[in-house]
């Protein structure tokens, strides 16, 4: 998923501060501050490089370039770019974490089908990870796989 052109998205600018529940039925680009919750079930959310979000997010896809304190739940994909700072858990089908991104939380990869039985992979990254791979040299990364019964 590429970083979108902002003309295709509803836009919350750098000087805008929103507190409360934010929901909508179109894609959203946030470069300001949001505190509360964001519900974009069938749409994409991009938190721009100046964005500061303190909210739990539910969307089809999420790209974080700025700062997010809260959990991410997507039906398709979550992406943390190298400038991202995320503290919270991620539940998604696909995840991408660029080298240099800061992430503290758990990643729960869901199967594409809605089945609740079968194996499920869960990864836990240490707070000092600061990168998407153990070869990054900053901190450590550990992954565990659990079997759902």
Protein backbone atom coordinates (compact mmCIF):
# COMPACT_ATOMS: atom_id res chain seq x y z
CA UNK A 1 0.00 0.00 0.00
CA UNK A 2 1.54 3.28 -1.07
CA UNK A 3 1.31 6.58 0.76
CA UNK A 4 -1.80 8.19 -0.72
CA UNK A 5 -2.26 11.46 -2.49
CA UNK A 6 -4.15 13.59 0.03
CA UNK A 7 -6.71 14.65 -2.60
CA UNK A 8 -8.19 11.14 -2.39
CA UNK A 9 -8.62 11.37 1.41
CA UNK A 10 -10.50 13.48 3.92
CA UNK A 11 -7.72 15.54 5.52
CA UNK A 12 -7.14 16.64 9.12
CA UNK A 13 -4.40 19.27 9.01
CA UNK A 14 -1.49 19.96 11.37
CA UNK A 15 -3.30 22.65 13.36
CA UNK A 16 -6.50 20.62 13.95
CA UNK A 17 -7.12 18.98 17.34
CA UNK A 18 -9.99 16.51 17.75
CA UNK A 19 -11.08 14.94 21.04
CA UNK A 20 -13.77 12.27 21.01
CA UNK A 21 -15.07 9.60 18.67
CA UNK A 22 -14.10 9.97 15.02
CA UNK A 23 -15.92 7.83 12.45
CA UNK A 24 -16.57 7.96 8.75
CA UNK A 25 -17.16 6.17 5.49
CA UNK A 26 -14.24 7.56 3.50
CA UNK A 27 -10.46 7.31 3.67
CA UNK A 28 -8.84 9.67 6.19
CA UNK A 29 -5.44 11.37 6.39
CA UNK A 30 -4.54 12.72 9.86
CA UNK A 31 -1.65 15.16 10.22
CA UNK A 32 -3.04 16.85 13.34
CA UNK A 33 -3.95 15.56 16.79
CA UNK A 34 -6.73 13.08 17.58
CA UNK A 35 -7.60 11.79 21.04
CA UNK A 36 -10.38 9.25 21.59
CA UNK A 37 -11.29 6.58 19.03
CA UNK A 38 -11.21 6.25 15.24
CA UNK A 39 -13.72 3.98 13.47
CA UNK A 40 -13.28 3.64 9.69
CA UNK A 41 -14.41 0.02 9.24
CA UNK A 42 -14.39 -0.14 5.45
CA UNK A 43 -11.80 2.56 4.81
CA UNK A 44 -8.12 3.42 5.11
CA UNK A 45 -6.42 5.64 7.69
CA UNK A 46 -3.08 7.35 7.21
CA UNK A 47 -1.42 9.05 10.16
CA UNK A 48 0.92 11.55 8.53
CA UNK A 49 4.42 12.46 9.72
CA UNK A 50 3.10 15.26 11.97
CA UNK A 51 0.10 13.24 13.19
CA UNK A 52 -0.24 12.53 16.90
CA UNK A 53 -3.02 10.08 17.69
CA UNK A 54 -4.03 8.76 21.12
CA UNK A 55 -6.82 6.41 20.12
CA UNK A 56 -7.79 2.87 19.36
CA UNK A 57 -8.13 2.53 15.60
CA UNK A 58 -10.43 0.23 13.63
CA UNK A 59 -10.05 0.46 9.83
CA UNK A 60 -9.62 -1.56 6.65
CA UNK A 61 -5.97 -0.50 6.43
CA UNK A 62 -3.70 1.76 8.50
CA UNK A 63 -0.41 3.45 7.59
CA UNK A 64 1.45 5.15 10.45
CA UNK A 65 4.10 7.74 9.62
CA UNK A 66 3.73 9.76 12.83
CA UNK A 67 2.87 8.85 16.42
CA UNK A 68 0.12 6.51 17.61
CA UNK A 69 -0.66 5.55 21.21
CA UNK A 70 -3.39 2.92 21.01
CA UNK A 71 -4.37 -0.37 19.48
CA UNK A 72 -4.75 -0.97 15.75
CA UNK A 73 -7.32 -3.39 14.35
CA UNK A 74 -7.50 -3.77 10.57
CA UNK A 75 -9.28 -6.16 8.25
CA UNK A 76 -6.49 -6.01 5.65
CA UNK A 77 -3.13 -4.40 6.46
CA UNK A 78 -1.17 -2.35 8.99
CA UNK A 79 2.02 -0.57 7.95
CA UNK A 80 4.53 1.27 10.15
CA UNK A 81 6.96 3.43 8.20
CA UNK A 82 10.48 4.22 9.39
CA UNK A 83 9.28 7.46 11.06
CA UNK A 84 6.44 5.71 12.96
CA UNK A 85 6.25 5.58 16.75
CA UNK A 86 3.57 3.13 17.87
CA UNK A 87 2.71 1.94 21.38
CA UNK A 88 -0.15 -0.55 21.27
CA UNK A 89 -1.23 -3.91 19.96
CA UNK A 90 -1.91 -4.70 16.29
CA UNK A 91 -4.52 -7.18 15.06
CA UNK A 92 -4.45 -7.58 11.27
CA UNK A 93 -4.10 -10.00 8.35
CA UNK A 94 -0.88 -8.45 7.03
CA UNK A 95 1.69 -6.23 8.73
CA UNK A 96 4.73 -4.31 7.48
CA UNK A 97 7.20 -2.64 9.83
CA UNK A 98 10.01 -0.70 8.17
CA UNK A 99 13.47 -0.75 9.66
CA UNK A 100 13.82 2.20 12.03
CA UNK A 101 10.17 2.26 13.13
CA UNK A 102 9.50 2.23 16.89
CA UNK A 103 6.92 -0.33 17.98
CA UNK A 104 5.99 -1.50 21.46
CA UNK A 105 3.20 -4.03 21.65
CA UNK A 106 1.93 -7.33 20.28
CA UNK A 107 1.13 -8.33 16.71
CA UNK A 108 -1.70 -10.78 16.16
CA UNK A 109 -1.90 -12.01 12.57
CA UNK A 110 -5.44 -13.13 11.71
CA UNK A 111 -6.23 -15.64 9.01
CA UNK A 112 -8.03 -14.30 5.96
CA UNK A 113 -11.02 -16.55 6.58
CA UNK A 114 -13.20 -15.84 9.57
CA UNK A 115 -12.57 -19.30 11.03
CA UNK A 116 -11.75 -19.33 14.72
CA UNK A 117 -10.15 -22.78 14.73
CA UNK A 118 -6.65 -23.57 13.57
CA UNK A 119 -3.22 -22.12 14.25
CA UNK A 120 -2.64 -18.46 14.89
CA UNK A 121 0.75 -16.75 14.98
CA UNK A 122 1.48 -14.13 17.61
CA UNK A 123 4.66 -12.08 17.64
CA UNK A 124 5.94 -10.00 20.52
CA UNK A 125 8.57 -7.35 19.94
CA UNK A 126 10.55 -5.97 22.83
CA UNK A 127 10.23 -2.23 23.57
CA UNK A 128 13.86 -1.73 22.60
CA UNK A 129 13.35 -3.30 19.17
CA UNK A 130 13.16 -0.04 17.24
CA UNK A 131 13.37 -1.97 13.98
CA UNK A 132 11.68 -4.66 11.97
CA UNK A 133 14.46 -7.22 12.03
CA UNK A 134 17.01 -8.54 14.47
CA UNK A 135 19.78 -7.58 12.03
CA UNK A 136 18.99 -3.89 12.58
CA UNK A 137 21.45 -3.84 15.47
CA UNK A 138 19.27 -1.82 17.86
CA UNK A 139 17.82 -3.93 20.62
CA UNK A 140 16.36 -7.37 20.24
CA UNK A 141 13.41 -8.94 18.50
CA UNK A 142 11.72 -12.10 19.66
CA UNK A 143 8.83 -13.97 18.10
CA UNK A 144 6.71 -16.71 19.53
CA UNK A 145 4.20 -18.91 17.76
CA UNK A 146 1.21 -20.20 19.64
CA UNK A 147 -1.25 -22.86 18.61
CA UNK A 148 -4.94 -22.05 19.19
CA UNK A 149 -7.05 -25.01 20.29
